[in-house]
C-alpha atoms as a PDB file:
ATOM      1  CA  UNK A   1     148.347 100.739 164.763  1.00  0.00           C
ATOM      2  CA  UNK A   2     151.558  99.698 166.496  1.00  0.00           C
ATOM      3  CA  UNK A   3     153.828  97.367 164.486  1.00  0.00           C
ATOM      4  CA  UNK A   4     155.288  95.773 167.624  1.00  0.00           C
ATOM      5  CA  UNK A   5     154.779  92.019 167.254  1.00  0.00           C
ATOM      6  CA  UNK A   6     152.548  92.509 164.211  1.00  0.00           C
ATOM      7  CA  UNK A   7     153.124  89.753 161.671  1.00  0.00           C
ATOM      8  CA  UNK A   8     153.666  91.295 158.250  1.00  0.00           C
ATOM      9  CA  UNK A   9     154.129  89.396 154.998  1.00  0.00           C
ATOM     10  CA  UNK A  10     155.821  91.463 152.264  1.00  0.00           C
ATOM     11  CA  UNK A  11     156.087  90.351 148.643  1.00  0.00           C
ATOM     12  CA  UNK A  12     158.708  91.822 146.337  1.00  0.00           C
ATOM     13  CA  UNK A  13     160.874  92.231 149.437  1.00  0.00           C
ATOM     14  CA  UNK A  14     164.272  91.590 147.858  1.00  0.00           C
ATOM     15  CA  UNK A  15     164.858  95.127 146.557  1.00  0.00           C
ATOM     16  CA  UNK A  16     163.489  98.638 146.169  1.00  0.00           C
ATOM     17  CA  UNK A  17     160.367  99.607 148.098  1.00  0.00           C
ATOM     18  CA  UNK A  18     159.894  96.092 149.473  1.00  0.00           C
ATOM     19  CA  UNK A  19     163.407  95.961 150.882  1.00  0.00           C
ATOM     20  CA  UNK A  20     163.173  99.441 152.400  1.00  0.00           C
ATOM     21  CA  UNK A  21     159.776  98.705 153.958  1.00  0.00           C
ATOM     22  CA  UNK A  22     161.070  95.427 155.406  1.00  0.00           C
ATOM     23  CA  UNK A  23     163.942  97.196 157.133  1.00  0.00           C
ATOM     24  CA  UNK A  24     161.694 100.048 158.308  1.00  0.00           C
ATOM     25  CA  UNK A  25     159.086  97.723 159.827  1.00  0.00           C
ATOM     26  CA  UNK A  26     161.808  95.639 161.468  1.00  0.00           C
ATOM     27  CA  UNK A  27     162.942  98.830 163.200  1.00  0.00           C
ATOM     28  CA  UNK A  28     159.371  99.140 164.469  1.00  0.00           C
ATOM     29  CA  UNK A  29     159.575  95.601 165.920  1.00  0.00           C
ATOM     30  CA  UNK A  30     157.334  93.830 163.427  1.00  0.00           C
ATOM     31  CA  UNK A  31     157.738  90.122 162.775  1.00  0.00           C
ATOM     32  CA  UNK A  32     158.314  89.666 159.061  1.00  0.00           C
ATOM     33  CA  UNK A  33     157.828  87.137 156.309  1.00  0.00           C
ATOM     34  CA  UNK A  34     159.742  88.182 153.207  1.00  0.00           C
ATOM     35  CA  UNK A  35     159.024  86.838 149.737  1.00  0.00           C
ATOM     36  CA  UNK A  36     160.288  87.187 146.179  1.00  0.00           C
ATOM     37  CA  UNK A  37     161.951  84.948 143.598  1.00  0.00           C
ATOM     38  CA  UNK A  38     165.467  86.051 144.637  1.00  0.00           C
ATOM     39  CA  UNK A  39     166.332  84.052 147.756  1.00  0.00           C
ATOM     40  CA  UNK A  40     169.929  85.311 147.962  1.00  0.00           C
ATOM     41  CA  UNK A  41     168.819  88.936 147.996  1.00  0.00           C
ATOM     42  CA  UNK A  42     166.159  88.146 150.597  1.00  0.00           C
ATOM     43  CA  UNK A  43     168.865  86.701 152.836  1.00  0.00           C
ATOM     44  CA  UNK A  44     170.775  89.987 152.565  1.00  0.00           C
ATOM     45  CA  UNK A  45     167.653  91.963 153.454  1.00  0.00           C
ATOM     46  CA  UNK A  46     167.101  89.699 156.453  1.00  0.00           C
ATOM     47  CA  UNK A  47     170.608  90.462 157.712  1.00  0.00           C
ATOM     48  CA  UNK A  48     169.846  94.197 157.568  1.00  0.00           C
ATOM     49  CA  UNK A  49     166.735  93.822 159.686  1.00  0.00           C
ATOM     50  CA  UNK A  50     166.809  94.774 163.374  1.00  0.00           C
ATOM     51  CA  UNK A  51     166.158  91.264 164.695  1.00  0.00           C
ATOM     52  CA  UNK A  52     166.912  88.705 161.945  1.00  0.00           C
ATOM     53  CA  UNK A  53     165.483  85.932 164.143  1.00  0.00           C
ATOM     54  CA  UNK A  54     162.071  87.559 163.685  1.00  0.00           C
ATOM     55  CA  UNK A  55     162.338  87.372 159.903  1.00  0.00           C
ATOM     56  CA  UNK A  56     161.351  84.335 157.840  1.00  0.00           C
ATOM     57  CA  UNK A  57     161.959  83.900 154.110  1.00  0.00           C
ATOM     58  CA  UNK A  58     159.448  82.193 151.822  1.00  0.00           C
ATOM     59  CA  UNK A  59     160.322  82.095 148.093  1.00  0.00           C
ATOM     60  CA  UNK A  60     157.416  83.206 145.925  1.00  0.00           C
ATOM     61  CA  UNK A  61     156.880  83.624 142.188  1.00  0.00           C
ATOM     62  CA  UNK A  62     153.705  85.640 141.590  1.00  0.00           C
ATOM     63  CA  UNK A  63     153.669  84.564 137.951  1.00  0.00           C
ATOM     64  CA  UNK A  64     153.105  80.989 139.122  1.00  0.00           C
ATOM     65  CA  UNK A  65     149.902  82.054 140.841  1.00  0.00           C
ATOM     66  CA  UNK A  66     148.274  78.609 140.869  1.00  0.00           C
ATOM     67  CA  UNK A  67     150.710  77.605 143.625  1.00  0.00           C
ATOM     68  CA  UNK A  68     150.121  80.483 146.051  1.00  0.00           C
ATOM     69  CA  UNK A  69     147.726  78.575 148.322  1.00  0.00           C
ATOM     70  CA  UNK A  70     150.613  76.364 149.424  1.00  0.00           C
ATOM     71  CA  UNK A  71     152.664  79.470 150.185  1.00  0.00           C
ATOM     72  CA  UNK A  72     149.868  80.913 152.316  1.00  0.00           C
ATOM     73  CA  UNK A  73     149.679  77.731 154.383  1.00  0.00           C
ATOM     74  CA  UNK A  74     153.456  77.885 154.832  1.00  0.00           C
ATOM     75  CA  UNK A  75     153.378  81.562 155.793  1.00  0.00           C
ATOM     76  CA  UNK A  76     150.618  81.192 158.382  1.00  0.00           C
ATOM     77  CA  UNK A  77     152.522  78.307 159.975  1.00  0.00           C
ATOM     78  CA  UNK A  78     155.609  80.470 160.594  1.00  0.00           C
ATOM     79  CA  UNK A  79     154.164  82.652 163.384  1.00  0.00           C
ATOM     80  CA  UNK A  80     150.665  81.165 163.659  1.00  0.00           C
ATOM     81  CA  UNK A  81     148.865  83.993 161.858  1.00  0.00           C
ATOM     82  CA  UNK A  82     149.266  86.919 159.467  1.00  0.00           C
ATOM     83  CA  UNK A  83     148.155  90.422 160.442  1.00  0.00           C
ATOM     84  CA  UNK A  84     149.149  92.382 157.329  1.00  0.00           C
ATOM     85  CA  UNK A  85     149.816  91.279 153.758  1.00  0.00           C
ATOM     86  CA  UNK A  86     151.795  93.822 151.740  1.00  0.00           C
ATOM     87  CA  UNK A  87     151.175  93.049 148.069  1.00  0.00           C
ATOM     88  CA  UNK A  88     154.277  94.791 146.755  1.00  0.00           C
ATOM     89  CA  UNK A  89     155.651  92.376 144.146  1.00  0.00           C
ATOM     90  CA  UNK A  90     155.396  93.356 140.497  1.00  0.00           C
ATOM     91  CA  UNK A  91     157.157  94.424 137.320  1.00  0.00           C
ATOM     92  CA  UNK A  92     157.018  97.552 135.164  1.00  0.00           C
ATOM     93  CA  UNK A  93     157.028  98.260 131.420  1.00  0.00           C
ATOM     94  CA  UNK A  94     158.714 100.615 128.961  1.00  0.00           C
ATOM     95  CA  UNK A  95     157.261 100.118 125.481  1.00  0.00           C
ATOM     96  CA  UNK A  96     154.753 101.626 123.067  1.00  0.00           C
ATOM     97  CA  UNK A  97     151.422  99.856 122.579  1.00  0.00           C
ATOM     98  CA  UNK A  98     152.190  99.240 118.893  1.00  0.00           C
ATOM     99  CA  UNK A  99     155.533  97.639 119.736  1.00  0.00           C
ATOM    100  CA  UNK A 100     154.432  95.405 122.617  1.00  0.00           C
ATOM    101  CA  UNK A 101     153.942  91.692 121.998  1.00  0.00           C
ATOM    102  CA  UNK A 102     150.678  90.396 123.464  1.00  0.00           C
ATOM    103  CA  UNK A 103     152.618  87.831 125.506  1.00  0.00           C
ATOM    104  CA  UNK A 104     154.361  90.724 127.266  1.00  0.00           C
ATOM    105  CA  UNK A 105     150.947  92.179 128.085  1.00  0.00           C
ATOM    106  CA  UNK A 106     149.911  88.788 129.456  1.00  0.00           C
ATOM    107  CA  UNK A 107     153.019  88.468 131.608  1.00  0.00           C
ATOM    108  CA  UNK A 108     152.501  91.895 133.143  1.00  0.00           C
ATOM    109  CA  UNK A 109     148.900  91.051 133.997  1.00  0.00           C
ATOM    110  CA  UNK A 110     149.850  87.606 135.315  1.00  0.00           C
ATOM    111  CA  UNK A 111     152.434  89.043 137.720  1.00  0.00           C
ATOM    112  CA  UNK A 112     150.986  92.402 138.708  1.00  0.00           C
ATOM    113  CA  UNK A 113     147.287  91.574 138.785  1.00  0.00           C
ATOM    114  CA  UNK A 114     146.496  87.850 138.812  1.00  0.00           C
ATOM    115  CA  UNK A 115     149.422  86.929 141.070  1.00  0.00           C
ATOM    116  CA  UNK A 116     148.409  89.563 143.592  1.00  0.00           C
ATOM    117  CA  UNK A 117     144.721  88.631 143.381  1.00  0.00           C
ATOM    118  CA  UNK A 118     145.461  84.917 143.776  1.00  0.00           C
ATOM    119  CA  UNK A 119     147.578  85.527 146.874  1.00  0.00           C
ATOM    120  CA  UNK A 120     144.909  87.819 148.313  1.00  0.00           C
ATOM    121  CA  UNK A 121     142.134  85.278 147.733  1.00  0.00           C
ATOM    122  CA  UNK A 122     144.230  82.524 149.277  1.00  0.00           C
ATOM    123  CA  UNK A 123     144.795  84.424 152.529  1.00  0.00           C
ATOM    124  CA  UNK A 124     141.336  86.029 152.706  1.00  0.00           C
ATOM    125  CA  UNK A 125     139.691  83.092 154.589  1.00  0.00           C
ATOM    126  CA  UNK A 126     142.384  83.458 157.276  1.00  0.00           C
ATOM    127  CA  UNK A 127     141.528  87.136 157.708  1.00  0.00           C
ATOM    128  CA  UNK A 128     137.788  86.401 157.743  1.00  0.00           C
ATOM    129  CA  UNK A 129     138.220  83.697 160.376  1.00  0.00           C
ATOM    130  CA  UNK A 130     140.260  86.057 162.572  1.00  0.00           C
ATOM    131  CA  UNK A 131     137.863  88.972 161.978  1.00  0.00           C
ATOM    132  CA  UNK A 132     140.988  90.990 161.371  1.00  0.00           C
ATOM    133  CA  UNK A 133     143.416  91.641 158.535  1.00  0.00           C
ATOM    134  CA  UNK A 134     144.989  94.392 156.492  1.00  0.00           C
ATOM    135  CA  UNK A 135     145.777  94.275 152.769  1.00  0.00           C
ATOM    136  CA  UNK A 136     148.368  96.831 151.713  1.00  0.00           C
ATOM    137  CA  UNK A 137     148.822  97.127 147.952  1.00  0.00           C
ATOM    138  CA  UNK A 138     151.638  98.911 146.139  1.00  0.00           C
ATOM    139  CA  UNK A 139     149.998 100.249 143.007  1.00  0.00           C
ATOM    140  CA  UNK A 140     151.290 103.392 141.269  1.00  0.00           C
ATOM    141  CA  UNK A 141     150.363 106.914 140.288  1.00  0.00           C
ATOM    142  CA  UNK A 142     149.808 105.315 136.863  1.00  0.00           C
ATOM    143  CA  UNK A 143     147.147 103.251 138.586  1.00  0.00           C
ATOM    144  CA  UNK A 144     145.222 106.521 138.419  1.00  0.00           C
ATOM    145  CA  UNK A 145     146.779 108.085 135.298  1.00  0.00           C
ATOM    146  CA  UNK A 146     147.807 106.217 132.136  1.00  0.00           C
ATOM    147  CA  UNK A 147     151.034 107.555 130.601  1.00  0.00           C
ATOM    148  CA  UNK A 148     153.070 106.707 127.492  1.00  0.00           C
ATOM    149  CA  UNK A 149     155.265 103.572 127.477  1.00  0.00           C
ATOM    150  CA  UNK A 150     153.333 102.025 130.378  1.00  0.00           C
ATOM    151  CA  UNK A 151     150.035 100.908 128.827  1.00  0.00           C
ATOM    152  CA  UNK A 152     149.680  97.439 130.334  1.00  0.00           C
ATOM    153  CA  UNK A 153     151.561  98.346 133.501  1.00  0.00           C
ATOM    154  CA  UNK A 154     149.010 101.129 133.999  1.00  0.00           C
ATOM    155  CA  UNK A 155     146.180  98.711 133.166  1.00  0.00           C
ATOM    156  CA  UNK A 156     147.390  96.190 135.742  1.00  0.00           C
ATOM    157  CA  UNK A 157     147.551  98.867 138.431  1.00  0.00           C
ATOM    158  CA  UNK A 158     144.134 100.298 137.498  1.00  0.00           C
ATOM    159  CA  UNK A 159     142.799  96.743 137.820  1.00  0.00           C
ATOM    160  CA  UNK A 160     144.183  96.440 141.344  1.00  0.00           C
ATOM    161  CA  UNK A 161     142.303  99.565 142.382  1.00  0.00           C
ATOM    162  CA  UNK A 162     139.032  98.134 141.092  1.00  0.00           C
ATOM    163  CA  UNK A 163     139.560  94.770 142.745  1.00  0.00           C
ATOM    164  CA  UNK A 164     140.629  96.046 146.143  1.00  0.00           C
ATOM    165  CA  UNK A 165     137.994  98.788 146.311  1.00  0.00           C
ATOM    166  CA  UNK A 166     135.416  96.028 145.843  1.00  0.00           C
ATOM    167  CA  UNK A 167     137.072  93.765 148.395  1.00  0.00           C
ATOM    168  CA  UNK A 168     137.142  96.593 150.939  1.00  0.00           C
ATOM    169  CA  UNK A 169     133.405  97.140 150.556  1.00  0.00           C
ATOM    170  CA  UNK A 170     132.575  93.426 150.741  1.00  0.00           C
ATOM    171  CA  UNK A 171     134.573  92.755 153.906  1.00  0.00           C
ATOM    172  CA  UNK A 172     134.156  95.935 155.918  1.00  0.00           C
ATOM    173  CA  UNK A 173     132.105  94.079 158.518  1.00  0.00           C
ATOM    174  CA  UNK A 174     134.842  91.450 158.820  1.00  0.00           C
ATOM    175  CA  UNK A 175     137.181  94.210 160.045  1.00  0.00           C
ATOM    176  CA  UNK A 176     139.411  93.743 156.996  1.00  0.00           C
ATOM    177  CA  UNK A 177     141.249  96.873 155.866  1.00  0.00           C
ATOM    178  CA  UNK A 178     142.673  97.847 152.486  1.00  0.00           C
ATOM    179  CA  UNK A 179     145.349 100.480 151.918  1.00  0.00           C
ATOM    180  CA  UNK A 180     146.238 101.333 148.317  1.00  0.00           C
ATOM    181  CA  UNK A 181     149.678 102.957 148.136  1.00  0.00           C
ATOM    182  CA  UNK A 182     150.425 104.866 144.914  1.00  0.00           C
ATOM    183  CA  UNK A 183     154.118 105.666 144.442  1.00  0.00           C
ATOM    184  CA  UNK A 184     155.365 108.369 142.150  1.00  0.00           C
ATOM    185  CA  UNK A 185     158.989 108.183 141.067  1.00  0.00           C
ATOM    186  CA  UNK A 186     161.148 106.257 143.556  1.00  0.00           C
ATOM    187  CA  UNK A 187     164.876 105.691 143.108  1.00  0.00           C
ATOM    188  CA  UNK A 188     164.837 101.900 142.652  1.00  0.00           C
ATOM    189  CA  UNK A 189     165.704  99.459 139.870  1.00  0.00           C
ATOM    190  CA  UNK A 190     162.080  99.336 138.687  1.00  0.00           C
ATOM    191  CA  UNK A 191     162.924 100.988 135.353  1.00  0.00           C
ATOM    192  CA  UNK A 192     166.007  98.796 134.823  1.00  0.00           C
ATOM    193  CA  UNK A 193     163.892  95.673 135.252  1.00  0.00           C
ATOM    194  CA  UNK A 194     160.955  97.029 133.232  1.00  0.00           C
ATOM    195  CA  UNK A 195     159.914  94.897 130.262  1.00  0.00           C
ATOM    196  CA  UNK A 196     160.334  96.214 126.730  1.00  0.00           C
ATOM    197  CA  UNK A 197     158.097  95.312 123.807  1.00  0.00           C
ATOM    198  CA  UNK A 198     159.764  91.953 123.202  1.00  0.00           C
ATOM    199  CA  UNK A 199     159.823  91.006 126.898  1.00  0.00           C
ATOM    200  CA  UNK A 200     163.479  91.747 127.643  1.00  0.00           C
ATOM    201  CA  UNK A 201     164.424  94.089 130.530  1.00  0.00           C
ATOM    202  CA  UNK A 202     165.139  97.709 129.659  1.00  0.00           C
ATOM    203  CA  UNK A 203     168.426  97.498 131.639  1.00  0.00           C
ATOM    204  CA  UNK A 204     168.764 101.227 132.155  1.00  0.00           C
ATOM    205  CA  UNK A 205     167.385 103.671 134.682  1.00  0.00           C
ATOM    206  CA  UNK A 206     165.011 106.431 133.637  1.00  0.00           C
ATOM    207  CA  UNK A 207     166.119 109.949 134.522  1.00  0.00           C
ATOM    208  CA  UNK A 208     162.887 110.594 136.436  1.00  0.00           C
ATOM    209  CA  UNK A 209     163.319 107.377 138.406  1.00  0.00           C
ATOM    210  CA  UNK A 210     166.941 108.218 139.211  1.00  0.00           C
ATOM    211  CA  UNK A 211     165.826 111.601 140.535  1.00  0.00           C
ATOM    212  CA  UNK A 212     162.931 110.123 142.470  1.00  0.00           C
ATOM    213  CA  UNK A 213     162.349 109.779 146.197  1.00  0.00           C
ATOM    214  CA  UNK A 214     164.789 107.605 148.107  1.00  0.00           C
ATOM    215  CA  UNK A 215     163.215 104.255 149.039  1.00  0.00           C
ATOM    216  CA  UNK A 216     164.059 104.697 152.730  1.00  0.00           C
ATOM    217  CA  UNK A 217     162.041 107.923 152.849  1.00  0.00           C
ATOM    218  CA  UNK A 218     159.234 106.289 150.902  1.00  0.00           C
ATOM    219  CA  UNK A 219     159.149 103.360 153.338  1.00  0.00           C
ATOM    220  CA  UNK A 220     158.707 105.673 156.323  1.00  0.00           C
ATOM    221  CA  UNK A 221     155.770 107.416 154.630  1.00  0.00           C
ATOM    222  CA  UNK A 222     154.279 104.092 153.580  1.00  0.00           C
ATOM    223  CA  UNK A 223     154.563 102.710 157.111  1.00  0.00           C
ATOM    224  CA  UNK A 224     152.823 105.835 158.429  1.00  0.00           C
ATOM    225  CA  UNK A 225     149.971 105.385 155.930  1.00  0.00           C
ATOM    226  CA  UNK A 226     149.550 101.768 157.065  1.00  0.00           C
ATOM    227  CA  UNK A 227     149.534 102.841 160.714  1.00  0.00           C
ATOM    228  CA  UNK A 228     146.899 105.466 159.968  1.00  0.00           C
ATOM    229  CA  UNK A 229     144.787 102.902 158.086  1.00  0.00           C
ATOM    230  CA  UNK A 230     144.587 105.111 155.007  1.00  0.00           C
ATOM    231  CA  UNK A 231     142.357 103.795 152.234  1.00  0.00           C
ATOM    232  CA  UNK A 232     144.448 105.375 149.463  1.00  0.00           C
ATOM    233  CA  UNK A 233     147.627 107.428 149.577  1.00  0.00           C
ATOM    234  CA  UNK A 234     149.862 109.107 146.974  1.00  0.00           C
ATOM    235  CA  UNK A 235     153.556 109.233 147.826  1.00  0.00           C
ATOM    236  CA  UNK A 236     155.736 111.141 145.409  1.00  0.00           C
ATOM    237  CA  UNK A 237     156.776 114.552 144.162  1.00  0.00           C
ATOM    238  CA  UNK A 238     154.592 117.586 143.549  1.00  0.00           C
ATOM    239  CA  UNK A 239     154.109 116.873 139.833  1.00  0.00           C
ATOM    240  CA  UNK A 240     152.910 113.316 140.389  1.00  0.00           C
ATOM    241  CA  UNK A 241     150.397 114.397 143.035  1.00  0.00           C
ATOM    242  CA  UNK A 242     149.301 117.311 140.866  1.00  0.00           C
ATOM    243  CA  UNK A 243     148.598 114.880 138.041  1.00  0.00           C
ATOM    244  CA  UNK A 244     146.105 112.968 140.202  1.00  0.00           C
ATOM    245  CA  UNK A 245     144.358 116.209 141.145  1.00  0.00           C
ATOM    246  CA  UNK A 246     144.168 117.434 137.543  1.00  0.00           C
ATOM    247  CA  UNK A 247     142.918 114.028 136.357  1.00  0.00           C
ATOM    248  CA  UNK A 248     140.045 114.204 138.832  1.00  0.00           C
ATOM    249  CA  UNK A 249     138.910 117.764 138.259  1.00  0.00           C
ATOM    250  CA  UNK A 250     140.295 118.752 134.827  1.00  0.00           C
ATOM    251  CA  UNK A 251     140.687 115.537 132.802  1.00  0.00           C
ATOM    252  CA  UNK A 252     140.973 117.281 129.417  1.00  0.00           C
ATOM    253  CA  UNK A 253     143.796 119.437 130.729  1.00  0.00           C
ATOM    254  CA  UNK A 254     145.623 116.331 131.909  1.00  0.00           C
ATOM    255  CA  UNK A 255     145.179 114.716 128.483  1.00  0.00           C
ATOM    256  CA  UNK A 256     146.962 117.678 126.928  1.00  0.00           C
ATOM    257  CA  UNK A 257     149.735 117.452 129.524  1.00  0.00           C
ATOM    258  CA  UNK A 258     150.157 113.699 128.974  1.00  0.00           C
ATOM    259  CA  UNK A 259     150.383 114.086 125.181  1.00  0.00           C
ATOM    260  CA  UNK A 260     153.392 116.330 125.652  1.00  0.00           C
ATOM    261  CA  UNK A 261     155.355 113.637 127.447  1.00  0.00           C
ATOM    262  CA  UNK A 262     158.192 111.987 125.547  1.00  0.00           C
ATOM    263  CA  UNK A 263     157.437 108.590 124.006  1.00  0.00           C
ATOM    264  CA  UNK A 264     160.996 107.787 122.950  1.00  0.00           C
END
């Protein structure tokens, strides 16, 4: 796949992985539609892109998922079609199960799962009609492995794997692709913005996140995975990738390893 003149819609594009991927794909001559709730930050990302004239901003709140059909109509009208939808928007969590209000669980699922699913369903007829389309989904290593302090975040990412694996099978003959991208630790503000048990942001960066991969490096690897039409890819450090391997072949060993992780 060559990104030249490909029309790519990226959610969660105002910061972190979404921002880095937007800039990376702009360098590869893609035409971009950038979405998030933060219009001012999106404008700054647009200015950093190679050809700002080939970048359109569409505000989008995934939590308000009943309105996404209107956004899809607006997005398609920008360049006449969409080739790739990067479902990158979402929010993380840092709280114990026993301390997490059920409304926080609901909000995580509304944003991470239902918002993404609603947007995907809204654009799916466009892909079917064109007999072409590519869903790229930013999940997480915890979409494969549940870890302490991330119960519902992990659940929302596990749910995305189930949904998009099914979608891939259903629409193979429509030439619709699905790439599930599972980040390990990436040096972004994801932990600062993560919800605590009462729904307020954590407002501090985890040590592991701070020491994680730089988003610019991650974006290059993510772009390569999209180009290669990977079905599922793990991008992170050795320990994160090892965890996926151990989970698959030695699940009891992983359970012991996970129990040793700090929950404070």
